[in-house]
Amino acid sequence: SLVQSRRLKEMSQSGTLTEHYLHTLLTE
């Protein structure tokens, strides 16, 4: 979603994004 995409943008730019988190977020 838009809210989730903004969260992903912030995590990607801060270097904290993980593949596991991506899976968890998309199954919300």
PDB file of all heavy atoms in Angstrom:
ATOM      1  N   SER A   1       0.853  -1.190   0.000  1.00  0.00           N
ATOM      2  CA  SER A   1       0.000   0.000   0.000  1.00  0.00           C
ATOM      3  C   SER A   1       0.888   1.238   0.000  1.00  0.00           C
ATOM      4  O   SER A   1       2.114   1.153   0.104  1.00  0.00           O
ATOM      5  CB  SER A   1      -0.895   0.008   1.232  1.00  0.00           C
ATOM      6  OG  SER A   1      -0.091   0.178   2.407  1.00  0.00           O
ATOM      7  N   LEU A   2       0.273   2.413  -0.080  1.00  0.00           N
ATOM      8  CA  LEU A   2       1.043   3.656  -0.054  1.00  0.00           C
ATOM      9  C   LEU A   2       1.779   3.800   1.271  1.00  0.00           C
ATOM     10  O   LEU A   2       2.962   4.155   1.296  1.00  0.00           O
ATOM     11  CB  LEU A   2       0.113   4.856  -0.285  1.00  0.00           C
ATOM     12  CG  LEU A   2       0.780   6.234  -0.296  1.00  0.00           C
ATOM     13  CD1 LEU A   2       1.872   6.302  -1.353  1.00  0.00           C
ATOM     14  CD2 LEU A   2      -0.261   7.328  -0.532  1.00  0.00           C
ATOM     15  N   VAL A   3       1.102   3.514   2.379  1.00  0.00           N
ATOM     16  CA  VAL A   3       1.744   3.617   3.699  1.00  0.00           C
ATOM     17  C   VAL A   3       2.900   2.629   3.801  1.00  0.00           C
ATOM     18  O   VAL A   3       3.992   2.970   4.275  1.00  0.00           O
ATOM     19  CB  VAL A   3       0.715   3.361   4.815  1.00  0.00           C
ATOM     20  CG1 VAL A   3       1.407   3.256   6.170  1.00  0.00           C
ATOM     21  CG2 VAL A   3      -0.333   4.473   4.847  1.00  0.00           C
ATOM     22  N   GLN A   4       2.688   1.405   3.338  1.00  0.00           N
ATOM     23  CA  GLN A   4       3.750   0.398   3.379  1.00  0.00           C
ATOM     24  C   GLN A   4       4.915   0.791   2.474  1.00  0.00           C
ATOM     25  O   GLN A   4       6.080   0.584   2.820  1.00  0.00           O
ATOM     26  CB  GLN A   4       3.187  -0.960   2.959  1.00  0.00           C
ATOM     27  CG  GLN A   4       2.231  -1.563   3.965  1.00  0.00           C
ATOM     28  CD  GLN A   4       1.572  -2.835   3.446  1.00  0.00           C
ATOM     29  OE1 GLN A   4       1.371  -2.995   2.241  1.00  0.00           O
ATOM     30  NE2 GLN A   4       1.233  -3.737   4.348  1.00  0.00           N
ATOM     31  N   SER A   5       4.614   1.369   1.324  1.00  0.00           N
ATOM     32  CA  SER A   5       5.661   1.774   0.390  1.00  0.00           C
ATOM     33  C   SER A   5       6.537   2.868   0.997  1.00  0.00           C
ATOM     34  O   SER A   5       7.761   2.876   0.804  1.00  0.00           O
ATOM     35  CB  SER A   5       5.045   2.263  -0.919  1.00  0.00           C
ATOM     36  OG  SER A   5       4.329   1.232  -1.557  1.00  0.00           O
ATOM     37  N   ARG A   6       5.916   3.787   1.704  1.00  0.00           N
ATOM     38  CA  ARG A   6       6.703   4.840   2.373  1.00  0.00           C
ATOM     39  C   ARG A   6       7.603   4.241   3.443  1.00  0.00           C
ATOM     40  O   ARG A   6       8.735   4.686   3.638  1.00  0.00           O
ATOM     41  CB  ARG A   6       5.750   5.878   2.975  1.00  0.00           C
ATOM     42  CG  ARG A   6       5.091   6.771   1.931  1.00  0.00           C
ATOM     43  CD  ARG A   6       3.998   7.640   2.515  1.00  0.00           C
ATOM     44  NE  ARG A   6       3.445   8.545   1.511  1.00  0.00           N
ATOM     45  CZ  ARG A   6       2.274   9.158   1.623  1.00  0.00           C
ATOM     46  NH1 ARG A   6       1.525   8.959   2.706  1.00  0.00           N
ATOM     47  NH2 ARG A   6       1.845   9.955   0.659  1.00  0.00           N
ATOM     48  N   ARG A   7       7.100   3.226   4.133  1.00  0.00           N
ATOM     49  CA  ARG A   7       7.913   2.547   5.140  1.00  0.00           C
ATOM     50  C   ARG A   7       9.101   1.846   4.484  1.00  0.00           C
ATOM     51  O   ARG A   7      10.229   1.901   4.980  1.00  0.00           O
ATOM     52  CB  ARG A   7       7.043   1.532   5.892  1.00  0.00           C
ATOM     53  CG  ARG A   7       7.636   1.047   7.217  1.00  0.00           C
ATOM     54  CD  ARG A   7       6.778  -0.041   7.825  1.00  0.00           C
ATOM     55  NE  ARG A   7       5.344   0.278   7.772  1.00  0.00           N
ATOM     56  CZ  ARG A   7       4.378  -0.620   7.935  1.00  0.00           C
ATOM     57  NH1 ARG A   7       4.699  -1.909   8.118  1.00  0.00           N
ATOM     58  NH2 ARG A   7       3.116  -0.260   7.882  1.00  0.00           N
ATOM     59  N   LEU A   8       8.853   1.197   3.357  1.00  0.00           N
ATOM     60  CA  LEU A   8       9.933   0.512   2.636  1.00  0.00           C
ATOM     61  C   LEU A   8      10.974   1.503   2.133  1.00  0.00           C
ATOM     62  O   LEU A   8      12.178   1.231   2.167  1.00  0.00           O
ATOM     63  CB  LEU A   8       9.345  -0.273   1.462  1.00  0.00           C
ATOM     64  CG  LEU A   8       8.479  -1.473   1.817  1.00  0.00           C
ATOM     65  CD1 LEU A   8       7.926  -2.121   0.546  1.00  0.00           C
ATOM     66  CD2 LEU A   8       9.281  -2.502   2.607  1.00  0.00           C
ATOM     67  N   LYS A   9      10.520   2.644   1.651  1.00  0.00           N
ATOM     68  CA  LYS A   9      11.437   3.689   1.178  1.00  0.00           C
ATOM     69  C   LYS A   9      12.375   4.114   2.304  1.00  0.00           C
ATOM     70  O   LYS A   9      13.596   4.191   2.118  1.00  0.00           O
ATOM     71  CB  LYS A   9      10.623   4.885   0.675  1.00  0.00           C
ATOM     72  CG  LYS A   9      11.420   6.159   0.438  1.00  0.00           C
ATOM     73  CD  LYS A   9      10.494   7.333   0.120  1.00  0.00           C
ATOM     74  CE  LYS A   9      11.213   8.655   0.076  1.00  0.00           C
ATOM     75  NZ  LYS A   9      10.292   9.787  -0.215  1.00  0.00           N
ATOM     76  N   GLU A  10      11.812   4.385   3.485  1.00  0.00           N
ATOM     77  CA  GLU A  10      12.615   4.828   4.622  1.00  0.00           C
ATOM     78  C   GLU A  10      13.607   3.747   5.050  1.00  0.00           C
ATOM     79  O   GLU A  10      14.781   4.047   5.318  1.00  0.00           O
ATOM     80  CB  GLU A  10      11.702   5.196   5.802  1.00  0.00           C
ATOM     81  CG  GLU A  10      10.832   6.426   5.543  1.00  0.00           C
ATOM     82  CD  GLU A  10       9.800   6.637   6.630  1.00  0.00           C
ATOM     83  OE1 GLU A  10       9.742   5.810   7.571  1.00  0.00           O
ATOM     84  OE2 GLU A  10       9.028   7.622   6.533  1.00  0.00           O
ATOM     85  N   MET A  11      13.158   2.497   5.090  1.00  0.00           N
ATOM     86  CA  MET A  11      14.029   1.418   5.527  1.00  0.00           C
ATOM     87  C   MET A  11      15.131   1.145   4.509  1.00  0.00           C
ATOM     88  O   MET A  11      16.267   0.847   4.869  1.00  0.00           O
ATOM     89  CB  MET A  11      13.208   0.151   5.784  1.00  0.00           C
ATOM     90  CG  MET A  11      12.230   0.285   6.935  1.00  0.00           C
ATOM     91  SD  MET A  11      11.302  -1.239   7.271  1.00  0.00           S
ATOM     92  CE  MET A  11      12.607  -2.250   7.993  1.00  0.00           C
ATOM     93  N   SER A  12      14.797   1.265   3.226  1.00  0.00           N
ATOM     94  CA  SER A  12      15.803   1.068   2.183  1.00  0.00           C
ATOM     95  C   SER A  12      16.874   2.148   2.271  1.00  0.00           C
ATOM     96  O   SER A  12      18.073   1.864   2.188  1.00  0.00           O
ATOM     97  CB  SER A  12      15.151   1.089   0.801  1.00  0.00           C
ATOM     98  OG  SER A  12      16.115   0.946  -0.227  1.00  0.00           O
ATOM     99  N   GLN A  13      16.448   3.392   2.466  1.00  0.00           N
ATOM    100  CA  GLN A  13      17.396   4.499   2.518  1.00  0.00           C
ATOM    101  C   GLN A  13      18.260   4.459   3.787  1.00  0.00           C
ATOM    102  O   GLN A  13      19.403   4.917   3.771  1.00  0.00           O
ATOM    103  CB  GLN A  13      16.649   5.829   2.429  1.00  0.00           C
ATOM    104  CG  GLN A  13      16.005   6.072   1.063  1.00  0.00           C
ATOM    105  CD  GLN A  13      15.246   7.385   0.985  1.00  0.00           C
ATOM    106  OE1 GLN A  13      14.742   7.882   1.989  1.00  0.00           O
ATOM    107  NE2 GLN A  13      15.163   7.954  -0.205  1.00  0.00           N
ATOM    108  N   SER A  14      17.706   3.887   4.872  1.00  0.00           N
ATOM    109  CA  SER A  14      18.474   3.797   6.116  1.00  0.00           C
ATOM    110  C   SER A  14      19.304   2.512   6.194  1.00  0.00           C
ATOM    111  O   SER A  14      20.081   2.332   7.130  1.00  0.00           O
ATOM    112  CB  SER A  14      17.529   3.864   7.321  1.00  0.00           C
ATOM    113  OG  SER A  14      16.661   2.734   7.345  1.00  0.00           O
ATOM    114  N   GLY A  15      19.094   1.612   5.233  1.00  0.00           N
ATOM    115  CA  GLY A  15      19.858   0.364   5.213  1.00  0.00           C
ATOM    116  C   GLY A  15      19.372  -0.684   6.181  1.00  0.00           C
ATOM    117  O   GLY A  15      20.103  -1.629   6.501  1.00  0.00           O
ATOM    118  N   THR A  16      18.135  -0.554   6.675  1.00  0.00           N
ATOM    119  CA  THR A  16      17.611  -1.495   7.674  1.00  0.00           C
ATOM    120  C   THR A  16      16.652  -2.525   7.071  1.00  0.00           C
ATOM    121  O   THR A  16      16.124  -3.374   7.793  1.00  0.00           O
ATOM    122  CB  THR A  16      16.878  -0.730   8.791  1.00  0.00           C
ATOM    123  OG1 THR A  16      15.818   0.052   8.215  1.00  0.00           O
ATOM    124  CG2 THR A  16      17.839   0.189   9.533  1.00  0.00           C
ATOM    125  N   LEU A  17      16.412  -2.458   5.768  1.00  0.00           N
ATOM    126  CA  LEU A  17      15.445  -3.364   5.141  1.00  0.00           C
ATOM    127  C   LEU A  17      16.020  -4.765   4.998  1.00  0.00           C
ATOM    128  O   LEU A  17      17.195  -4.937   4.643  1.00  0.00           O
ATOM    129  CB  LEU A  17      15.051  -2.828   3.762  1.00  0.00           C
ATOM    130  CG  LEU A  17      13.957  -3.599   3.016  1.00  0.00           C
ATOM    131  CD1 LEU A  17      12.639  -3.534   3.779  1.00  0.00           C
ATOM    132  CD2 LEU A  17      13.782  -3.036   1.613  1.00  0.00           C
ATOM    133  N   THR A  18      15.204  -5.780   5.290  1.00  0.00           N
ATOM    134  CA  THR A  18      15.603  -7.173   5.114  1.00  0.00           C
ATOM    135  C   THR A  18      14.564  -7.901   4.274  1.00  0.00           C
ATOM    136  O   THR A  18      13.406  -7.481   4.202  1.00  0.00           O
ATOM    137  CB  THR A  18      15.728  -7.899   6.470  1.00  0.00           C
ATOM    138  OG1 THR A  18      14.426  -7.957   7.086  1.00  0.00           O
ATOM    139  CG2 THR A  18      16.708  -7.186   7.380  1.00  0.00           C
ATOM    140  N   GLU A  19      14.964  -8.994   3.650  1.00  0.00           N
ATOM    141  CA  GLU A  19      14.032  -9.785   2.846  1.00  0.00           C
ATOM    142  C   GLU A  19      12.932 -10.380   3.728  1.00  0.00           C
ATOM    143  O   GLU A  19      11.781 -10.492   3.314  1.00  0.00           O
ATOM    144  CB  GLU A  19      14.790 -10.875   2.096  1.00  0.00           C
ATOM    145  CG  GLU A  19      15.697 -10.341   0.998  1.00  0.00           C
ATOM    146  CD  GLU A  19      16.442 -11.428   0.268  1.00  0.00           C
ATOM    147  OE1 GLU A  19      15.867 -12.017  -0.678  1.00  0.00           O
ATOM    148  OE2 GLU A  19      17.596 -11.699   0.636  1.00  0.00           O
ATOM    149  N   HIS A  20      13.301 -10.782   4.946  1.00  0.00           N
ATOM    150  CA  HIS A  20      12.315 -11.349   5.859  1.00  0.00           C
ATOM    151  C   HIS A  20      11.227 -10.322   6.186  1.00  0.00           C
ATOM    152  O   HIS A  20      10.037 -10.650   6.205  1.00  0.00           O
ATOM    153  CB  HIS A  20      12.990 -11.816   7.152  1.00  0.00           C
ATOM    154  CG  HIS A  20      12.018 -12.312   8.189  1.00  0.00           C
ATOM    155  ND1 HIS A  20      11.362 -13.527   8.071  1.00  0.00           N
ATOM    156  CD2 HIS A  20      11.570 -11.740   9.351  1.00  0.00           C
ATOM    157  CE1 HIS A  20      10.559 -13.694   9.109  1.00  0.00           C
ATOM    158  NE2 HIS A  20      10.663 -12.625   9.899  1.00  0.00           N
ATOM    159  N   TYR A  21      11.646  -9.067   6.413  1.00  0.00           N
ATOM    160  CA  TYR A  21      10.662  -8.029   6.721  1.00  0.00           C
ATOM    161  C   TYR A  21       9.745  -7.790   5.524  1.00  0.00           C
ATOM    162  O   TYR A  21       8.540  -7.576   5.694  1.00  0.00           O
ATOM    163  CB  TYR A  21      11.356  -6.726   7.118  1.00  0.00           C
ATOM    164  CG  TYR A  21      10.364  -5.625   7.414  1.00  0.00           C
ATOM    165  CD1 TYR A  21       9.704  -5.573   8.638  1.00  0.00           C
ATOM    166  CD2 TYR A  21      10.039  -4.668   6.448  1.00  0.00           C
ATOM    167  CE1 TYR A  21       8.763  -4.588   8.904  1.00  0.00           C
ATOM    168  CE2 TYR A  21       9.095  -3.681   6.712  1.00  0.00           C
ATOM    169  CZ  TYR A  21       8.456  -3.645   7.932  1.00  0.00           C
ATOM    170  OH  TYR A  21       7.521  -2.683   8.191  1.00  0.00           O
ATOM    171  N   LEU A  22      10.302  -7.826   4.318  1.00  0.00           N
ATOM    172  CA  LEU A  22       9.491  -7.639   3.116  1.00  0.00           C
ATOM    173  C   LEU A  22       8.383  -8.682   3.055  1.00  0.00           C
ATOM    174  O   LEU A  22       7.236  -8.369   2.740  1.00  0.00           O
ATOM    175  CB  LEU A  22      10.373  -7.744   1.866  1.00  0.00           C
ATOM    176  CG  LEU A  22      11.021  -6.468   1.354  1.00  0.00           C
ATOM    177  CD1 LEU A  22      11.990  -6.790   0.226  1.00  0.00           C
ATOM    178  CD2 LEU A  22       9.970  -5.487   0.876  1.00  0.00           C
ATOM    179  N   HIS A  23       8.756  -9.934   3.346  1.00  0.00           N
ATOM    180  CA  HIS A  23       7.753 -11.012   3.304  1.00  0.00           C
ATOM    181  C   HIS A  23       6.671 -10.783   4.355  1.00  0.00           C
ATOM    182  O   HIS A  23       5.481 -10.937   4.072  1.00  0.00           O
ATOM    183  CB  HIS A  23       8.432 -12.361   3.528  1.00  0.00           C
ATOM    184  CG  HIS A  23       7.484 -13.518   3.432  1.00  0.00           C
ATOM    185  ND1 HIS A  23       7.057 -14.039   2.225  1.00  0.00           N
ATOM    186  CD2 HIS A  23       6.858 -14.247   4.401  1.00  0.00           C
ATOM    187  CE1 HIS A  23       6.220 -15.030   2.441  1.00  0.00           C
ATOM    188  NE2 HIS A  23       6.076 -15.174   3.753  1.00  0.00           N
ATOM    189  N   THR A  24       7.096 -10.390   5.552  1.00  0.00           N
ATOM    190  CA  THR A  24       6.131 -10.134   6.630  1.00  0.00           C
ATOM    191  C   THR A  24       5.191  -8.999   6.258  1.00  0.00           C
ATOM    192  O   THR A  24       3.975  -9.080   6.459  1.00  0.00           O
ATOM    193  CB  THR A  24       6.877  -9.776   7.936  1.00  0.00           C
ATOM    194  OG1 THR A  24       7.748 -10.853   8.291  1.00  0.00           O
ATOM    195  CG2 THR A  24       5.886  -9.515   9.064  1.00  0.00           C
ATOM    196  N   LEU A  25       5.742  -7.939   5.681  1.00  0.00           N
ATOM    197  CA  LEU A  25       4.929  -6.772   5.324  1.00  0.00           C
ATOM    198  C   LEU A  25       3.911  -7.116   4.238  1.00  0.00           C
ATOM    199  O   LEU A  25       2.751  -6.708   4.314  1.00  0.00           O
ATOM    200  CB  LEU A  25       5.838  -5.637   4.862  1.00  0.00           C
ATOM    201  CG  LEU A  25       5.139  -4.349   4.420  1.00  0.00           C
ATOM    202  CD1 LEU A  25       5.852  -3.128   4.978  1.00  0.00           C
ATOM    203  CD2 LEU A  25       5.102  -4.256   2.891  1.00  0.00           C
ATOM    204  N   LEU A  26       4.328  -7.872   3.233  1.00  0.00           N
ATOM    205  CA  LEU A  26       3.427  -8.167   2.112  1.00  0.00           C
ATOM    206  C   LEU A  26       2.352  -9.183   2.475  1.00  0.00           C
ATOM    207  O   LEU A  26       1.357  -9.309   1.754  1.00  0.00           O
ATOM    208  CB  LEU A  26       4.226  -8.658   0.904  1.00  0.00           C
ATOM    209  CG  LEU A  26       5.051  -7.590   0.182  1.00  0.00           C
ATOM    210  CD1 LEU A  26       5.864  -8.203  -0.940  1.00  0.00           C
ATOM    211  CD2 LEU A  26       4.143  -6.504  -0.376  1.00  0.00           C
ATOM    212  N   THR A  27       2.526  -9.889   3.562  1.00  0.00           N
ATOM    213  CA  THR A  27       1.496 -10.840   3.987  1.00  0.00           C
ATOM    214  C   THR A  27       0.575 -10.230   5.032  1.00  0.00           C
ATOM    215  O   THR A  27      -0.336 -10.895   5.526  1.00  0.00           O
ATOM    216  CB  THR A  27       2.132 -12.126   4.548  1.00  0.00           C
ATOM    217  OG1 THR A  27       3.103 -11.800   5.558  1.00  0.00           O
ATOM    218  CG2 THR A  27       2.813 -12.915   3.439  1.00  0.00           C
ATOM    219  N   GLU A  28       0.820  -8.948   5.390  1.00  0.00           N
ATOM    220  CA  GLU A  28      -0.115  -8.242   6.272  1.00  0.00           C
ATOM    221  C   GLU A  28      -1.446  -8.064   5.555  1.00  0.00           C
ATOM    222  O   GLU A  28      -1.484  -7.880   4.343  1.00  0.00           O
ATOM    223  CB  GLU A  28       0.415  -6.839   6.628  1.00  0.00           C
ATOM    224  CG  GLU A  28       1.557  -6.809   7.601  1.00  0.00           C
ATOM    225  CD  GLU A  28       2.013  -5.385   7.896  1.00  0.00           C
ATOM    226  OE1 GLU A  28       1.430  -4.455   7.305  1.00  0.00           O
ATOM    227  OE2 GLU A  28       2.932  -5.198   8.697  1.00  0.00           O
TER     228      GLU A  28
END
